[in-house]
Amino acid sequence: MKVRALLVASAGMLTIATSATNASAEARFESGNDLYSLCINVDSRAAASDDFVCLGYVSAIADAMVANNNEIAGFRACLRDGLTLRQLSDVVEKWLQNHPEKRDFSAPGLVAHAFAEAFPCSQ
């Protein structure tokens, strides 16, 4: 990914890490509900920062998936060259919108699931 994408991913993960640090002492990961709230287009001043975090989160999962032989949580996706962060976040947002019954699950697995359906690996 390009340098800008890496900066967005880094900033998003830093924000998520900071949020986790400020939360209770027990481990907590983002749920699909949390991610969906960040990714949906809402009208407010917070929307721009939420969108930034959404893009960073989705980018980080995409990078992790590529680094892990295109797999996370048992879901396999082959992300082709030329995909933009906006495309990836649109895929995730649409998937989360279409599957509200699954949004209580952990966000990384849900992002991987969305990618697997949108970008299956040919084998």
N, C-alpha and C. Protein backbone atom coordinates (compact mmCIF):
# COMPACT_ATOMS: atom_id res chain seq x y z
N MET A 1 0.84 -1.17 0.00
CA MET A 1 0.00 0.00 0.00
C MET A 1 0.89 1.23 0.00
N LYS A 2 0.32 2.33 -0.35
CA LYS A 2 1.06 3.57 -0.43
C LYS A 2 1.35 4.13 0.95
N VAL A 3 2.24 5.10 1.01
CA VAL A 3 2.64 5.71 2.27
C VAL A 3 1.44 6.32 2.98
N ARG A 4 0.56 6.98 2.24
CA ARG A 4 -0.63 7.59 2.86
C ARG A 4 -1.49 6.53 3.54
N ALA A 5 -1.65 5.40 2.88
CA ALA A 5 -2.44 4.31 3.45
C ALA A 5 -1.81 3.82 4.74
N LEU A 6 -0.50 3.71 4.75
CA LEU A 6 0.18 3.26 5.96
C LEU A 6 0.03 4.27 7.09
N LEU A 7 0.06 5.55 6.76
CA LEU A 7 -0.15 6.58 7.77
C LEU A 7 -1.56 6.51 8.33
N VAL A 8 -2.54 6.31 7.46
CA VAL A 8 -3.93 6.19 7.90
C VAL A 8 -4.07 4.98 8.80
N ALA A 9 -3.48 3.85 8.39
CA ALA A 9 -3.57 2.63 9.19
C ALA A 9 -2.91 2.83 10.55
N SER A 10 -1.76 3.45 10.56
CA SER A 10 -1.04 3.68 11.81
C SER A 10 -1.84 4.57 12.75
N ALA A 11 -2.40 5.63 12.20
CA ALA A 11 -3.18 6.55 13.02
C ALA A 11 -4.44 5.85 13.55
N GLY A 12 -5.06 5.05 12.71
CA GLY A 12 -6.25 4.32 13.15
C GLY A 12 -5.94 3.34 14.26
N MET A 13 -4.86 2.61 14.10
CA MET A 13 -4.50 1.63 15.13
C MET A 13 -4.07 2.33 16.42
N LEU A 14 -3.41 3.48 16.30
CA LEU A 14 -3.03 4.24 17.48
C LEU A 14 -4.27 4.71 18.23
N THR A 15 -5.26 5.17 17.50
CA THR A 15 -6.51 5.60 18.12
C THR A 15 -7.19 4.44 18.82
N ILE A 16 -7.22 3.29 18.15
CA ILE A 16 -7.84 2.11 18.74
C ILE A 16 -7.07 1.68 19.98
N ALA A 17 -5.73 1.69 19.90
CA ALA A 17 -4.91 1.31 21.05
C ALA A 17 -5.12 2.27 22.21
N THR A 18 -5.23 3.55 21.91
CA THR A 18 -5.46 4.54 22.96
C THR A 18 -6.82 4.31 23.60
N SER A 19 -7.83 4.01 22.79
CA SER A 19 -9.16 3.73 23.33
C SER A 19 -9.12 2.52 24.24
N ALA A 20 -8.39 1.49 23.82
CA ALA A 20 -8.29 0.27 24.62
C ALA A 20 -7.58 0.55 25.94
N THR A 21 -6.57 1.41 25.91
CA THR A 21 -5.84 1.75 27.12
C THR A 21 -6.73 2.49 28.11
N ASN A 22 -7.61 3.33 27.59
CA ASN A 22 -8.50 4.09 28.44
C ASN A 22 -9.69 3.27 28.92
N ALA A 23 -9.90 2.10 28.36
CA ALA A 23 -11.01 1.24 28.77
C ALA A 23 -10.61 0.48 30.03
N SER A 24 -11.44 -0.43 30.44
CA SER A 24 -11.16 -1.22 31.63
C SER A 24 -9.92 -2.09 31.43
N ALA A 25 -9.43 -2.68 32.49
CA ALA A 25 -8.19 -3.45 32.45
C ALA A 25 -8.35 -4.75 31.66
N GLU A 26 -9.56 -5.26 31.50
CA GLU A 26 -9.72 -6.52 30.78
C GLU A 26 -9.60 -6.29 29.27
N ALA A 27 -9.17 -7.35 28.56
CA ALA A 27 -8.96 -7.25 27.12
C ALA A 27 -10.28 -6.97 26.43
N ARG A 28 -10.26 -6.08 25.47
CA ARG A 28 -11.46 -5.75 24.72
C ARG A 28 -11.05 -5.47 23.29
N PHE A 29 -11.75 -6.08 22.38
CA PHE A 29 -11.50 -5.86 20.97
C PHE A 29 -12.72 -5.18 20.37
N GLU A 30 -12.50 -4.50 19.27
CA GLU A 30 -13.60 -3.83 18.60
C GLU A 30 -14.60 -4.88 18.09
N SER A 31 -15.87 -4.58 18.24
CA SER A 31 -16.91 -5.45 17.68
C SER A 31 -17.33 -4.89 16.33
N GLY A 32 -18.09 -5.67 15.62
CA GLY A 32 -18.64 -5.19 14.35
C GLY A 32 -19.53 -3.99 14.57
N ASN A 33 -20.24 -3.94 15.70
CA ASN A 33 -21.07 -2.78 16.01
C ASN A 33 -20.22 -1.52 16.16
N ASP A 34 -19.08 -1.66 16.86
CA ASP A 34 -18.18 -0.52 17.04
C ASP A 34 -17.67 -0.03 15.68
N LEU A 35 -17.22 -0.97 14.87
CA LEU A 35 -16.66 -0.61 13.57
C LEU A 35 -17.74 -0.01 12.66
N TYR A 36 -18.91 -0.59 12.67
CA TYR A 36 -20.00 -0.08 11.84
C TYR A 36 -20.34 1.36 12.22
N SER A 37 -20.35 1.64 13.51
CA SER A 37 -20.62 3.01 13.97
C SER A 37 -19.58 3.98 13.45
N LEU A 38 -18.34 3.53 13.35
CA LEU A 38 -17.27 4.39 12.84
C LEU A 38 -17.36 4.56 11.33
N CYS A 39 -17.81 3.53 10.63
CA CYS A 39 -17.75 3.53 9.17
C CYS A 39 -18.97 4.13 8.48
N ILE A 40 -20.11 4.12 9.14
CA ILE A 40 -21.29 4.67 8.46
C ILE A 40 -21.12 6.17 8.31
N ASN A 41 -21.66 6.67 7.24
CA ASN A 41 -21.57 8.10 6.97
C ASN A 41 -22.63 8.85 7.76
N VAL A 42 -22.18 9.58 8.74
CA VAL A 42 -23.09 10.38 9.56
C VAL A 42 -22.69 11.84 9.43
N ASP A 43 -23.63 12.73 9.72
CA ASP A 43 -23.32 14.15 9.59
C ASP A 43 -23.01 14.75 10.96
N SER A 44 -21.76 14.98 11.19
CA SER A 44 -21.31 15.65 12.41
C SER A 44 -19.83 15.95 12.27
N ARG A 45 -19.31 16.75 13.17
CA ARG A 45 -17.87 17.04 13.14
C ARG A 45 -17.07 15.79 13.46
N ALA A 46 -17.63 14.90 14.26
CA ALA A 46 -16.92 13.67 14.62
C ALA A 46 -16.84 12.71 13.44
N ALA A 47 -17.71 12.89 12.45
CA ALA A 47 -17.76 11.95 11.32
C ALA A 47 -16.42 11.86 10.60
N ALA A 48 -15.74 12.98 10.41
CA ALA A 48 -14.46 12.95 9.70
C ALA A 48 -13.43 12.13 10.46
N SER A 49 -13.36 12.29 11.77
CA SER A 49 -12.39 11.50 12.53
C SER A 49 -12.81 10.04 12.59
N ASP A 50 -14.11 9.78 12.68
CA ASP A 50 -14.60 8.40 12.67
C ASP A 50 -14.25 7.73 11.34
N ASP A 51 -14.43 8.45 10.25
CA ASP A 51 -14.12 7.91 8.94
C ASP A 51 -12.63 7.60 8.84
N PHE A 52 -11.81 8.47 9.40
CA PHE A 52 -10.36 8.27 9.42
C PHE A 52 -10.00 7.00 10.19
N VAL A 53 -10.63 6.78 11.33
CA VAL A 53 -10.38 5.58 12.13
C VAL A 53 -10.88 4.35 11.38
N CYS A 54 -12.04 4.44 10.75
CA CYS A 54 -12.58 3.33 9.97
C CYS A 54 -11.60 2.92 8.88
N LEU A 55 -11.13 3.90 8.11
CA LEU A 55 -10.18 3.60 7.04
C LEU A 55 -8.90 2.97 7.59
N GLY A 56 -8.42 3.49 8.71
CA GLY A 56 -7.21 2.95 9.32
C GLY A 56 -7.41 1.52 9.79
N TYR A 57 -8.55 1.25 10.40
CA TYR A 57 -8.83 -0.09 10.90
C TYR A 57 -8.91 -1.08 9.75
N VAL A 58 -9.68 -0.73 8.72
CA VAL A 58 -9.85 -1.61 7.57
C VAL A 58 -8.50 -1.84 6.88
N SER A 59 -7.71 -0.78 6.76
CA SER A 59 -6.39 -0.90 6.15
C SER A 59 -5.48 -1.83 6.95
N ALA A 60 -5.53 -1.70 8.26
CA ALA A 60 -4.69 -2.54 9.12
C ALA A 60 -5.07 -4.01 8.98
N ILE A 61 -6.36 -4.30 8.91
CA ILE A 61 -6.80 -5.70 8.74
C ILE A 61 -6.38 -6.20 7.36
N ALA A 62 -6.50 -5.37 6.34
CA ALA A 62 -6.07 -5.78 4.99
C ALA A 62 -4.58 -6.08 4.98
N ASP A 63 -3.79 -5.21 5.59
CA ASP A 63 -2.34 -5.45 5.65
C ASP A 63 -2.02 -6.72 6.42
N ALA A 64 -2.70 -6.93 7.53
CA ALA A 64 -2.47 -8.14 8.33
C ALA A 64 -2.86 -9.39 7.55
N MET A 65 -3.94 -9.28 6.80
CA MET A 65 -4.40 -10.42 6.01
C MET A 65 -3.36 -10.78 4.94
N VAL A 66 -2.85 -9.78 4.26
CA VAL A 66 -1.84 -10.02 3.22
C VAL A 66 -0.58 -10.62 3.86
N ALA A 67 -0.19 -10.10 5.00
CA ALA A 67 1.01 -10.60 5.69
C ALA A 67 0.83 -12.02 6.22
N ASN A 68 -0.40 -12.44 6.40
CA ASN A 68 -0.70 -13.76 6.95
C ASN A 68 -1.22 -14.71 5.86
N ASN A 69 -0.59 -14.68 4.70
CA ASN A 69 -0.98 -15.55 3.58
C ASN A 69 -2.45 -15.42 3.21
N ASN A 70 -2.96 -14.18 3.24
CA ASN A 70 -4.32 -13.85 2.82
C ASN A 70 -5.40 -14.45 3.72
N GLU A 71 -5.08 -14.69 4.99
CA GLU A 71 -6.05 -15.33 5.87
C GLU A 71 -6.06 -14.71 7.27
N ILE A 72 -7.26 -14.56 7.78
CA ILE A 72 -7.49 -14.16 9.17
C ILE A 72 -8.75 -14.87 9.63
N ALA A 73 -8.69 -15.41 10.83
CA ALA A 73 -9.86 -16.04 11.46
C ALA A 73 -10.52 -17.09 10.57
N GLY A 74 -9.72 -17.77 9.78
CA GLY A 74 -10.25 -18.82 8.91
C GLY A 74 -10.85 -18.31 7.61
N PHE A 75 -10.83 -17.00 7.39
CA PHE A 75 -11.35 -16.42 6.15
C PHE A 75 -10.17 -16.07 5.26
N ARG A 76 -10.29 -16.44 3.98
CA ARG A 76 -9.24 -16.19 3.00
C ARG A 76 -9.74 -15.22 1.95
N ALA A 77 -8.93 -14.21 1.66
CA ALA A 77 -9.26 -13.25 0.62
C ALA A 77 -7.99 -12.88 -0.13
N CYS A 78 -8.12 -12.64 -1.40
CA CYS A 78 -6.99 -12.22 -2.22
C CYS A 78 -7.26 -10.79 -2.69
N LEU A 79 -6.64 -9.86 -2.02
CA LEU A 79 -6.83 -8.45 -2.33
C LEU A 79 -5.93 -8.09 -3.51
N ARG A 80 -6.55 -7.69 -4.59
CA ARG A 80 -5.79 -7.41 -5.81
C ARG A 80 -5.15 -6.02 -5.76
N ASP A 81 -4.13 -5.85 -6.57
CA ASP A 81 -3.48 -4.54 -6.69
C ASP A 81 -4.49 -3.54 -7.22
N GLY A 82 -4.34 -2.32 -6.80
CA GLY A 82 -5.19 -1.25 -7.31
C GLY A 82 -6.41 -0.94 -6.46
N LEU A 83 -6.71 -1.79 -5.48
CA LEU A 83 -7.84 -1.50 -4.59
C LEU A 83 -7.50 -0.27 -3.76
N THR A 84 -8.50 0.56 -3.53
CA THR A 84 -8.29 1.74 -2.70
C THR A 84 -8.83 1.48 -1.30
N LEU A 85 -8.36 2.26 -0.36
CA LEU A 85 -8.89 2.15 1.01
C LEU A 85 -10.38 2.42 1.03
N ARG A 86 -10.83 3.36 0.23
CA ARG A 86 -12.26 3.67 0.19
C ARG A 86 -13.06 2.47 -0.31
N GLN A 87 -12.55 1.77 -1.34
CA GLN A 87 -13.23 0.57 -1.82
C GLN A 87 -13.32 -0.47 -0.71
N LEU A 88 -12.20 -0.69 -0.03
CA LEU A 88 -12.17 -1.69 1.03
C LEU A 88 -13.14 -1.33 2.15
N SER A 89 -13.16 -0.06 2.55
CA SER A 89 -14.07 0.33 3.63
C SER A 89 -15.52 0.26 3.17
N ASP A 90 -15.78 0.57 1.89
CA ASP A 90 -17.15 0.43 1.36
C ASP A 90 -17.62 -1.01 1.40
N VAL A 91 -16.71 -1.94 1.06
CA VAL A 91 -17.05 -3.37 1.11
C VAL A 91 -17.40 -3.78 2.53
N VAL A 92 -16.59 -3.34 3.48
CA VAL A 92 -16.82 -3.69 4.89
C VAL A 92 -18.11 -3.05 5.39
N GLU A 93 -18.30 -1.78 5.10
CA GLU A 93 -19.52 -1.08 5.55
C GLU A 93 -20.77 -1.76 4.99
N LYS A 94 -20.76 -2.09 3.71
CA LYS A 94 -21.92 -2.75 3.09
C LYS A 94 -22.16 -4.13 3.72
N TRP A 95 -21.08 -4.87 3.95
CA TRP A 95 -21.22 -6.20 4.54
C TRP A 95 -21.82 -6.09 5.94
N LEU A 96 -21.31 -5.17 6.73
CA LEU A 96 -21.84 -4.98 8.09
C LEU A 96 -23.30 -4.52 8.06
N GLN A 97 -23.63 -3.68 7.09
CA GLN A 97 -25.01 -3.22 6.95
C GLN A 97 -25.93 -4.39 6.60
N ASN A 98 -25.46 -5.29 5.75
CA ASN A 98 -26.27 -6.42 5.30
C ASN A 98 -26.30 -7.58 6.29
N HIS A 99 -25.47 -7.55 7.32
CA HIS A 99 -25.40 -8.63 8.29
C HIS A 99 -25.46 -8.11 9.73
N PRO A 100 -26.54 -7.42 10.09
CA PRO A 100 -26.62 -6.87 11.45
C PRO A 100 -26.62 -7.96 12.52
N GLU A 101 -27.04 -9.15 12.18
CA GLU A 101 -27.08 -10.25 13.14
C GLU A 101 -25.69 -10.72 13.56
N LYS A 102 -24.66 -10.32 12.83
CA LYS A 102 -23.30 -10.76 13.14
C LYS A 102 -22.43 -9.64 13.71
N ARG A 103 -22.97 -8.44 13.82
CA ARG A 103 -22.15 -7.30 14.23
C ARG A 103 -21.66 -7.35 15.67
N ASP A 104 -22.17 -8.26 16.48
CA ASP A 104 -21.67 -8.37 17.86
C ASP A 104 -20.38 -9.18 17.92
N PHE A 105 -19.98 -9.81 16.82
CA PHE A 105 -18.73 -10.57 16.78
C PHE A 105 -17.54 -9.61 16.64
N SER A 106 -16.36 -10.14 16.84
CA SER A 106 -15.12 -9.38 16.77
C SER A 106 -14.90 -8.79 15.37
N ALA A 107 -14.54 -7.52 15.33
CA ALA A 107 -14.41 -6.80 14.06
C ALA A 107 -13.37 -7.39 13.11
N PRO A 108 -12.18 -7.82 13.57
CA PRO A 108 -11.21 -8.35 12.60
C PRO A 108 -11.74 -9.52 11.79
N GLY A 109 -12.43 -10.44 12.45
CA GLY A 109 -13.00 -11.57 11.74
C GLY A 109 -14.10 -11.17 10.77
N LEU A 110 -14.89 -10.16 11.16
CA LEU A 110 -15.96 -9.70 10.28
C LEU A 110 -15.39 -8.99 9.05
N VAL A 111 -14.34 -8.22 9.24
CA VAL A 111 -13.68 -7.57 8.10
C VAL A 111 -13.11 -8.64 7.16
N ALA A 112 -12.46 -9.64 7.74
CA ALA A 112 -11.91 -10.73 6.93
C ALA A 112 -13.03 -11.47 6.19
N HIS A 113 -14.16 -11.67 6.84
CA HIS A 113 -15.31 -12.34 6.21
C HIS A 113 -15.81 -11.51 5.02
N ALA A 114 -15.93 -10.21 5.23
CA ALA A 114 -16.37 -9.32 4.14
C ALA A 114 -15.40 -9.38 2.97
N PHE A 115 -14.10 -9.33 3.27
CA PHE A 115 -13.09 -9.41 2.21
C PHE A 115 -13.17 -10.76 1.48
N ALA A 116 -13.35 -11.84 2.23
CA ALA A 116 -13.40 -13.18 1.63
C ALA A 116 -14.56 -13.29 0.64
N GLU A 117 -15.69 -12.70 0.96
CA GLU A 117 -16.83 -12.75 0.05
C GLU A 117 -16.61 -11.86 -1.16
N ALA A 118 -16.01 -10.71 -0.96
CA ALA A 118 -15.82 -9.76 -2.06
C ALA A 118 -14.63 -10.09 -2.95
N PHE A 119 -13.60 -10.66 -2.35
CA PHE A 119 -12.35 -10.91 -3.07
C PHE A 119 -11.87 -12.35 -2.86
N PRO A 120 -12.64 -13.33 -3.33
CA PRO A 120 -12.25 -14.73 -3.12
C PRO A 120 -10.96 -15.06 -3.87
N CYS A 121 -10.21 -15.98 -3.30
CA CYS A 121 -8.99 -16.45 -3.94
C CYS A 121 -9.35 -17.54 -4.93
N SER A 122 -8.82 -17.46 -6.12
CA SER A 122 -9.07 -18.53 -7.11
C SER A 122 -8.07 -19.64 -6.87
N GLN A 123 -8.58 -20.85 -6.77
CA GLN A 123 -7.69 -21.98 -6.52
C GLN A 123 -8.12 -23.17 -7.32
